[in-house]
Amino acid sequence: MRRLRGIEALRLGARRSFVLMGVGMALGLVMHTVAARRLGVDEYGVFTYALNGATLGSLLLTLGWPTSAMRFVAQYREAEQWGLLRGLMTRSHQVVLSVSVASALVIALVGRYALTSPSARLSAALISLMLPVISLGLLRIRLLRGLLRVSDSIIAERLAIPLLVVVGLVVLPAVGGVHVVLLWVGAALVVRAVETGRLRSARPDGVASSAREYRTGEWGRVAIAIALGEVARATLARGDTMMLGAMSGMHDVAVYGASRRVGMLITFTLNAVNAIAGPLLASAYHGGRPSEFRRVLRKAALWSMLGALPVFTWVVVAPESVLWLFGPEFRGHGSVVRIVALGQFANAATGPVVMALLMTGRQRRYSLAVGVVAAVSLAANAFVIPVWGLHGAAWIATGCTACLNAWLFVQARRAVPLDESDAA
């Protein structure tokens, strides 16, 4: 069968991703709104804080291996180097699992013996429980996408887990944030078990019969370079939430988390495009097809922006119409939602610029840009949050997101030089 490439593959893959991402976004919103209404603001803040902390930890502590693995999987699939592909999948699992489990144990011990605040000790325990499960899922998502099994990666993480949690919230007597965390972990473990079989079946013919080949040094060097950028990006994306928790309390964390959740509706199209554009960009670049690379990047950015525009308009005009889903205690914060929405639209409008840089080996440029912006964000939030609270954190997030995406867009455009077909 003819292998689909370029815009044709992007169009077909994005169509399926749009549908699945749309359902996943809806299920994620339902999960959070049901939890918020069931628990109330403060207990929902406990769940939000633990989920954000564990997600942040997984991005920091997996050392860039998930994204590095996706890049090399796409490269080896393109070159049909099955031994290296099999070795990479094995080694990436070994690294991610060992590091995440060890990190979870350290966090649990620090929380148990070094922290004195009961809420801080509880948060540490919940984060340590969720960390290995989220880290393994992050790796599996990247591997499946590198193998062009984008639908499987979306179904597992964005559909199955929220659906199981929602069912559990309806059926089981969850009355606190701890109960929802335990419910989430149970759902994720079920999904991780199913993923194992899906990942094996996704491997191309010839992988299972090939002897494993390892280039751990090369993979590790690229992963560390990517990790520096992902650490900074995770800090930029979730550091403000963690600082709000430390400076303002769980009530503000809950409100800000709900506002961010509403703002994420705007990047739905970008997430769908990213899921398929990343491996296609890697294949075009490593396959020596620069014109295809640039066409995929342009089309993906255009679709992402156009898809975000209707949702952005709705959220800006009537933010309270979405916030009411979380419960009456969340009403009255539409101004925060509007501010967050501006940053998310800037993110969507620039398209898959992060993937374009990482899939072409520009991880150092990516890390530099994100590192500078993340440092500015942390410094600004330390000054702004005590004075302006939620609104200050929202404005800092929006400004930093817009500046970062503009910077990365310029770098992505320079990733592959013009050739004759582009000039024509």
Protein backbone atom coordinates (compact mmCIF):
# COMPACT_ATOMS: atom_id res chain seq x y z
CA MET A 1 0.00 0.00 0.00
CA ARG A 2 1.26 3.45 -0.88
CA ARG A 3 2.59 5.35 2.11
CA LEU A 4 0.78 8.64 2.61
CA ARG A 5 3.01 11.67 2.99
CA GLY A 6 2.88 15.40 3.41
CA ILE A 7 -0.39 17.30 3.16
CA GLU A 8 -2.40 14.21 2.21
CA ALA A 9 -1.32 12.39 5.37
CA LEU A 10 -1.78 15.53 7.44
CA ARG A 11 -5.32 16.04 6.12
CA LEU A 12 -6.43 12.46 6.76
CA GLY A 13 -4.71 12.20 10.13
CA ALA A 14 -5.90 15.61 11.31
CA ARG A 15 -9.50 14.77 10.41
CA ARG A 16 -9.50 11.76 12.74
CA SER A 17 -7.57 13.71 15.37
CA PHE A 18 -10.09 16.55 15.30
CA VAL A 19 -12.95 14.19 16.03
CA LEU A 20 -11.14 12.30 18.77
CA MET A 21 -9.63 15.43 20.31
CA GLY A 22 -13.07 17.05 20.31
CA VAL A 23 -14.60 14.13 22.16
CA GLY A 24 -11.59 14.01 24.49
CA MET A 25 -11.81 17.73 25.22
CA ALA A 26 -15.48 17.36 26.05
CA LEU A 27 -14.83 14.36 28.32
CA GLY A 28 -11.99 16.19 30.06
CA LEU A 29 -14.24 19.17 30.68
CA VAL A 30 -16.99 16.89 31.97
CA MET A 31 -14.53 15.16 34.31
CA HIS A 32 -13.37 18.44 35.82
CA THR A 33 -16.82 20.00 36.07
CA VAL A 34 -18.32 16.90 37.68
CA ALA A 35 -15.41 16.77 40.14
CA ALA A 36 -15.73 20.47 40.92
CA ARG A 37 -19.47 20.25 41.55
CA ARG A 38 -19.11 17.06 43.57
CA LEU A 39 -16.22 18.26 45.75
CA GLY A 40 -16.57 22.02 46.08
CA VAL A 41 -13.86 24.60 45.46
CA ASP A 42 -11.29 23.65 48.11
CA GLU A 43 -11.36 19.86 47.58
CA TYR A 44 -11.35 20.34 43.81
CA GLY A 45 -8.26 22.50 44.38
CA VAL A 46 -6.58 19.50 46.07
CA PHE A 47 -7.21 17.32 42.99
CA THR A 48 -6.14 20.09 40.58
CA TYR A 49 -2.96 20.79 42.55
CA ALA A 50 -1.97 17.11 42.66
CA LEU A 51 -2.69 16.59 38.96
CA ASN A 52 -0.72 19.71 37.99
CA GLY A 53 2.15 18.78 40.29
CA ALA A 54 2.40 15.23 38.98
CA THR A 55 2.13 16.38 35.36
CA LEU A 56 4.80 19.00 35.95
CA GLY A 57 7.00 16.39 37.65
CA SER A 58 6.59 13.93 34.78
CA LEU A 59 7.65 16.56 32.26
CA LEU A 60 10.65 17.50 34.37
CA LEU A 61 11.81 14.07 35.50
CA THR A 62 11.47 11.99 32.32
CA LEU A 63 14.58 13.86 31.12
CA GLY A 64 13.26 14.53 27.63
CA TRP A 65 13.11 10.85 26.67
CA PRO A 66 9.46 10.77 25.49
CA THR A 67 9.91 13.54 22.91
CA SER A 68 13.37 12.30 21.93
CA ALA A 69 11.90 8.82 21.43
CA MET A 70 9.17 10.15 19.15
CA ARG A 71 11.72 11.90 16.96
CA PHE A 72 13.96 8.83 16.63
CA VAL A 73 11.01 6.45 16.15
CA ALA A 74 9.86 8.54 13.18
CA GLN A 75 13.44 8.66 11.85
CA TYR A 76 14.02 4.89 12.17
CA ARG A 77 10.59 4.11 10.74
CA GLU A 78 11.40 6.27 7.72
CA ALA A 79 14.78 4.52 7.26
CA GLU A 80 13.39 1.05 8.14
CA GLN A 81 16.05 0.53 10.82
CA TRP A 82 14.05 -2.00 12.81
CA GLY A 83 16.77 -3.07 15.26
CA LEU A 84 17.34 0.50 16.38
CA LEU A 85 13.60 1.07 16.63
CA ARG A 86 13.14 -1.95 18.88
CA GLY A 87 16.13 -1.00 21.02
CA LEU A 88 14.90 2.57 21.41
CA MET A 89 11.46 1.45 22.57
CA THR A 90 13.00 -0.87 25.16
CA ARG A 91 15.56 1.60 26.48
CA SER A 92 13.10 4.50 26.71
CA HIS A 93 10.77 2.38 28.86
CA GLN A 94 13.65 1.38 31.13
CA VAL A 95 14.80 4.97 31.64
CA VAL A 96 11.37 6.53 32.16
CA LEU A 97 10.10 3.87 34.55
CA SER A 98 13.24 3.76 36.69
CA VAL A 99 13.57 7.54 36.96
CA SER A 100 9.87 8.19 37.65
CA VAL A 101 9.58 5.48 40.32
CA ALA A 102 12.75 6.66 42.06
CA SER A 103 11.55 10.27 41.93
CA ALA A 104 8.17 9.30 43.36
CA LEU A 105 9.84 7.58 46.29
CA VAL A 106 11.98 10.64 46.99
CA ILE A 107 8.95 12.96 46.88
CA ALA A 108 7.01 10.67 49.21
CA LEU A 109 9.89 10.51 51.72
CA VAL A 110 10.43 14.26 51.63
CA GLY A 111 6.74 14.83 52.20
CA ARG A 112 6.64 12.35 55.05
CA TYR A 113 9.72 13.45 56.97
CA ALA A 114 10.63 16.98 55.85
CA LEU A 115 7.32 18.81 55.48
CA THR A 116 5.35 19.96 58.50
CA SER A 117 2.18 21.35 56.92
CA PRO A 118 -0.56 18.68 56.66
CA SER A 119 -1.73 20.03 53.29
CA ALA A 120 1.83 20.02 51.92
CA ARG A 121 2.41 16.44 53.10
CA LEU A 122 -0.85 15.34 51.53
CA SER A 123 0.03 17.04 48.23
CA ALA A 124 3.45 15.34 48.17
CA ALA A 125 1.87 11.93 48.79
CA LEU A 126 -0.69 12.39 46.02
CA ILE A 127 1.87 13.70 43.54
CA SER A 128 4.19 10.76 44.22
CA LEU A 129 1.30 8.37 43.59
CA MET A 130 0.38 9.88 40.23
CA LEU A 131 3.90 10.58 38.93
CA PRO A 132 4.96 7.14 37.56
CA VAL A 133 1.59 6.53 35.91
CA ILE A 134 1.63 9.90 34.14
CA SER A 135 5.28 9.53 33.10
CA LEU A 136 4.68 6.13 31.51
CA GLY A 137 1.63 7.47 29.72
CA LEU A 138 3.60 10.42 28.36
CA LEU A 139 6.17 8.05 26.86
CA ARG A 140 3.51 5.76 25.37
CA ILE A 141 1.76 8.71 23.72
CA ARG A 142 4.99 9.85 22.05
CA LEU A 143 5.89 6.34 20.87
CA LEU A 144 2.46 5.73 19.36
CA ARG A 145 2.58 9.05 17.54
CA GLY A 146 6.04 8.33 16.21
CA LEU A 147 4.59 5.11 14.79
CA LEU A 148 1.72 7.16 13.28
CA ARG A 149 -0.83 5.54 15.60
CA VAL A 150 -2.16 8.93 16.62
CA SER A 151 -5.72 7.72 17.19
CA ASP A 152 -4.57 5.12 19.72
CA SER A 153 -2.62 7.74 21.69
CA ILE A 154 -5.62 10.09 21.84
CA ILE A 155 -8.13 7.40 22.78
CA ALA A 156 -5.97 6.14 25.64
CA GLU A 157 -5.18 9.42 27.35
CA ARG A 158 -7.95 11.83 26.41
CA LEU A 159 -10.95 9.53 26.14
CA ALA A 160 -10.49 6.42 28.23
CA ILE A 161 -9.13 7.95 31.44
CA PRO A 162 -11.66 10.83 31.72
CA LEU A 163 -14.53 8.49 30.84
CA LEU A 164 -13.54 6.00 33.54
CA VAL A 165 -13.15 8.80 36.09
CA VAL A 166 -16.56 10.27 35.24
CA VAL A 167 -18.19 6.84 35.60
CA GLY A 168 -16.41 6.39 38.90
CA LEU A 169 -17.56 9.79 40.16
CA VAL A 170 -21.15 8.93 39.31
CA VAL A 171 -21.09 5.41 40.76
CA LEU A 172 -18.72 5.68 43.73
CA PRO A 173 -19.12 7.89 46.82
CA ALA A 174 -16.18 10.26 46.20
CA VAL A 175 -16.33 13.07 48.76
CA GLY A 176 -12.80 14.50 48.71
CA GLY A 177 -9.88 15.36 46.47
CA VAL A 178 -7.99 12.26 47.65
CA HIS A 179 -10.79 9.99 46.45
CA VAL A 180 -10.70 11.54 42.97
CA VAL A 181 -6.92 11.17 42.78
CA LEU A 182 -7.20 7.48 43.67
CA LEU A 183 -9.96 7.09 41.11
CA TRP A 184 -7.83 8.78 38.45
CA VAL A 185 -4.82 6.55 39.22
CA GLY A 186 -6.96 3.40 39.00
CA ALA A 187 -8.35 4.48 35.63
CA ALA A 188 -4.87 5.29 34.34
CA LEU A 189 -3.49 1.89 35.40
CA VAL A 190 -6.24 0.15 33.44
CA VAL A 191 -5.41 2.23 30.37
CA ARG A 192 -1.66 1.59 30.75
CA ALA A 193 -2.33 -2.17 30.67
CA VAL A 194 -4.33 -1.90 27.45
CA GLU A 195 -1.67 0.37 25.91
CA THR A 196 0.94 -2.36 26.20
CA GLY A 197 -0.87 -4.53 23.67
CA ARG A 198 -1.65 -1.60 21.37
CA LEU A 199 1.98 -0.52 21.33
CA ARG A 200 3.17 -4.00 20.36
CA SER A 201 0.67 -4.26 17.53
CA ALA A 202 1.68 -0.80 16.27
CA ARG A 203 5.26 -1.86 15.53
CA PRO A 204 6.02 -2.29 11.81
CA ASP A 205 6.59 -5.78 10.42
CA GLY A 206 10.15 -6.83 11.04
CA VAL A 207 10.64 -5.08 14.37
CA ALA A 208 9.77 -8.08 16.56
CA SER A 209 12.17 -10.37 14.68
CA SER A 210 15.07 -7.87 14.67
CA ALA A 211 17.82 -7.89 17.27
CA ARG A 212 17.79 -4.87 19.55
CA GLU A 213 20.38 -2.21 18.75
CA TYR A 214 21.20 0.53 21.20
CA ARG A 215 22.54 4.04 20.79
CA THR A 216 21.87 5.08 24.35
CA GLY A 217 24.51 7.81 24.34
CA GLU A 218 23.09 9.51 21.25
CA TRP A 219 19.50 9.18 22.47
CA GLY A 220 20.45 10.46 25.90
CA ARG A 221 22.29 13.52 24.59
CA VAL A 222 19.34 14.57 22.46
CA ALA A 223 16.93 13.81 25.32
CA ILE A 224 18.86 15.98 27.78
CA ALA A 225 18.89 18.89 25.32
CA ILE A 226 15.13 18.49 24.86
CA ALA A 227 14.65 18.07 28.62
CA LEU A 228 16.11 21.50 29.32
CA GLY A 229 13.45 23.05 27.12
CA GLU A 230 10.66 20.84 28.47
CA VAL A 231 11.61 21.68 32.05
CA ALA A 232 11.35 25.35 31.21
CA ARG A 233 8.11 24.90 29.24
CA ALA A 234 6.52 22.84 32.02
CA THR A 235 7.55 25.51 34.51
CA LEU A 236 6.04 28.17 32.27
CA ALA A 237 2.80 26.19 31.81
CA ARG A 238 2.25 25.06 35.40
CA GLY A 239 4.59 27.09 37.59
CA ASP A 240 2.03 29.85 38.05
CA THR A 241 -0.52 27.34 39.37
CA MET A 242 1.98 25.96 41.87
CA MET A 243 2.96 29.49 42.97
CA LEU A 244 -0.69 30.42 43.40
CA GLY A 245 -1.12 27.39 45.65
CA ALA A 246 1.81 28.44 47.80
CA MET A 247 0.93 32.15 47.94
CA SER A 248 -2.87 32.32 47.68
CA GLY A 249 -4.29 28.91 48.65
CA MET A 250 -6.38 26.20 47.07
CA HIS A 251 -9.38 28.43 46.35
CA ASP A 252 -7.39 30.51 43.87
CA VAL A 253 -5.81 27.34 42.46
CA ALA A 254 -9.28 25.94 41.78
CA VAL A 255 -10.54 29.12 40.08
CA TYR A 256 -7.37 29.54 38.05
CA GLY A 257 -7.42 25.86 37.11
CA ALA A 258 -10.99 26.17 35.89
CA SER A 259 -10.08 29.27 33.86
CA ARG A 260 -7.11 27.49 32.31
CA ARG A 261 -9.33 24.51 31.52
CA VAL A 262 -11.74 26.80 29.66
CA GLY A 263 -8.84 28.46 27.85
CA MET A 264 -7.55 25.09 26.70
CA LEU A 265 -10.67 24.68 24.58
CA ILE A 266 -9.06 27.19 22.23
CA THR A 267 -6.03 24.97 21.60
CA PHE A 268 -8.12 21.94 20.76
CA THR A 269 -7.31 22.25 17.04
CA LEU A 270 -3.62 22.80 17.76
CA ASN A 271 -3.48 19.63 19.84
CA ALA A 272 -5.15 17.67 17.06
CA VAL A 273 -2.75 19.09 14.45
CA ASN A 274 0.31 18.54 16.67
CA ALA A 275 -0.57 14.88 17.15
CA ILE A 276 -0.09 14.12 13.45
CA ALA A 277 2.17 16.99 12.34
CA GLY A 278 5.08 16.06 14.64
CA PRO A 279 5.95 12.67 13.12
CA LEU A 280 5.17 13.96 9.59
CA LEU A 281 7.59 16.86 10.04
CA ALA A 282 10.25 14.45 11.30
CA SER A 283 9.72 12.09 8.37
CA ALA A 284 9.88 14.91 5.80
CA TYR A 285 13.01 16.41 7.35
CA HIS A 286 14.95 13.17 7.79
CA GLY A 287 13.71 11.95 4.41
CA GLY A 288 15.27 14.97 2.70
CA ARG A 289 11.99 16.60 1.59
CA PRO A 290 12.25 20.28 2.66
CA SER A 291 9.38 21.53 0.50
CA GLU A 292 7.06 18.97 2.08
CA PHE A 293 8.26 20.02 5.53
CA ARG A 294 7.40 23.66 4.89
CA ARG A 295 4.00 22.85 3.37
CA VAL A 296 3.04 20.71 6.37
CA LEU A 297 4.14 23.47 8.75
CA ARG A 298 2.19 26.17 6.89
CA LYS A 299 -0.99 24.13 6.56
CA ALA A 300 -0.88 22.97 10.16
CA ALA A 301 -0.51 26.55 11.44
CA LEU A 302 -3.38 27.75 9.23
CA TRP A 303 -5.74 24.97 10.35
CA SER A 304 -4.81 25.49 13.98
CA MET A 305 -5.58 29.23 13.84
CA LEU A 306 -8.85 28.87 11.91
CA GLY A 307 -10.03 26.09 14.20
CA ALA A 308 -9.27 28.17 17.30
CA LEU A 309 -11.04 31.33 16.13
CA PRO A 310 -14.70 30.30 16.79
CA VAL A 311 -13.96 28.97 20.28
CA PHE A 312 -11.81 32.00 21.09
CA THR A 313 -14.63 34.34 20.07
CA TRP A 314 -17.15 32.41 22.19
CA VAL A 315 -14.91 32.33 25.28
CA VAL A 316 -14.09 36.04 25.06
CA VAL A 317 -17.68 37.14 24.47
CA ALA A 318 -19.39 34.83 27.01
CA PRO A 319 -16.87 33.27 29.42
CA GLU A 320 -19.47 32.86 32.18
CA SER A 321 -21.44 30.51 29.92
CA VAL A 322 -18.62 27.98 30.33
CA LEU A 323 -17.60 28.75 33.90
CA TRP A 324 -21.08 27.94 35.23
CA LEU A 325 -20.40 24.29 34.41
CA PHE A 326 -17.93 24.15 37.29
CA GLY A 327 -20.53 25.33 39.79
CA PRO A 328 -21.90 28.58 41.22
CA GLU A 329 -18.76 29.21 43.29
CA PHE A 330 -16.74 29.66 40.09
CA ARG A 331 -19.00 32.37 38.64
CA GLY A 332 -17.79 35.96 38.46
CA HIS A 333 -14.29 35.19 37.16
CA GLY A 334 -14.95 35.73 33.46
CA SER A 335 -12.26 38.42 33.28
CA VAL A 336 -9.61 35.85 34.21
CA VAL A 337 -10.89 33.53 31.47
CA ARG A 338 -10.66 36.33 28.89
CA ILE A 339 -7.04 37.05 29.78
CA VAL A 340 -6.08 33.37 29.61
CA ALA A 341 -7.88 33.05 26.26
CA LEU A 342 -5.65 35.68 24.64
CA GLY A 343 -2.52 33.67 25.40
CA GLN A 344 -4.05 30.41 24.22
CA PHE A 345 -5.09 31.97 20.91
CA ALA A 346 -1.53 33.19 20.36
CA ASN A 347 -0.41 29.62 21.03
CA ALA A 348 -2.88 28.20 18.51
CA ALA A 349 -2.16 30.80 15.82
CA THR A 350 1.51 29.85 15.48
CA GLY A 351 0.84 26.16 14.90
CA PRO A 352 3.21 23.24 15.63
CA VAL A 353 6.35 25.36 15.99
CA VAL A 354 7.66 23.37 18.95
CA MET A 355 7.41 20.10 17.03
CA ALA A 356 9.09 21.70 14.01
CA LEU A 357 12.15 22.58 16.09
CA LEU A 358 12.38 19.35 18.09
CA MET A 359 11.87 17.06 15.10
CA THR A 360 14.72 18.79 13.19
CA GLY A 361 17.32 18.72 15.95
CA ARG A 362 16.92 22.38 16.98
CA GLN A 363 16.35 21.42 20.61
CA ARG A 364 19.03 23.83 21.86
CA ARG A 365 17.33 26.81 20.24
CA TYR A 366 14.03 25.65 21.68
CA SER A 367 15.52 25.24 25.15
CA LEU A 368 17.12 28.69 25.06
CA ALA A 369 13.89 30.43 24.06
CA VAL A 370 11.71 28.62 26.60
CA GLY A 371 14.31 28.95 29.35
CA VAL A 372 14.52 32.73 29.00
CA VAL A 373 10.73 33.17 28.95
CA ALA A 374 10.21 30.76 31.88
CA ALA A 375 12.74 32.66 34.00
CA VAL A 376 10.95 35.92 33.24
CA SER A 377 7.61 34.29 34.12
CA LEU A 378 8.79 33.02 37.52
CA ALA A 379 10.35 36.35 38.45
CA ALA A 380 7.28 38.29 37.35
CA ASN A 381 4.84 35.97 39.16
CA ALA A 382 6.82 36.24 42.39
CA PHE A 383 6.18 39.98 42.30
CA VAL A 384 2.71 40.07 40.73
CA ILE A 385 0.78 37.26 42.49
CA PRO A 386 1.00 38.75 46.02
CA VAL A 387 -0.33 42.06 44.67
CA TRP A 388 -2.80 41.19 41.89
CA GLY A 389 -3.46 37.49 42.55
CA LEU A 390 -5.36 35.61 39.85
CA HIS A 391 -5.45 38.47 37.36
CA GLY A 392 -1.74 39.10 37.71
CA ALA A 393 -0.88 35.45 37.11
CA ALA A 394 -3.19 35.38 34.07
CA TRP A 395 -1.61 38.46 32.48
CA ILE A 396 1.91 37.13 33.04
CA ALA A 397 0.95 33.78 31.48
CA THR A 398 -0.62 35.45 28.45
CA GLY A 399 2.27 37.83 27.81
CA CYS A 400 4.91 35.13 28.18
CA THR A 401 2.99 32.68 25.98
CA ALA A 402 2.59 35.23 23.18
CA CYS A 403 6.27 36.26 23.27
CA LEU A 404 7.49 32.67 23.35
CA ASN A 405 5.37 31.54 20.41
CA ALA A 406 6.44 34.49 18.30
CA TRP A 407 10.08 33.65 19.03
CA LEU A 408 9.61 29.96 18.23
CA PHE A 409 7.69 30.74 15.04
CA VAL A 410 10.64 32.70 13.65
CA GLN A 411 13.02 29.86 14.57
CA ALA A 412 10.74 27.23 12.98
CA ARG A 413 10.59 29.16 9.72
CA ARG A 414 14.37 29.11 9.61
CA ALA A 415 14.63 25.40 10.39
CA VAL A 416 14.59 24.36 6.73
CA PRO A 417 15.90 26.70 3.99
CA LEU A 418 13.91 27.51 0.88
CA ASP A 419 14.48 25.28 -2.11
CA GLU A 420 13.50 25.69 -5.75
CA SER A 421 10.01 24.23 -5.29
CA ASP A 422 9.33 26.65 -2.41
CA ALA A 423 10.52 29.61 -4.42
CA ALA A 424 8.29 28.63 -7.31
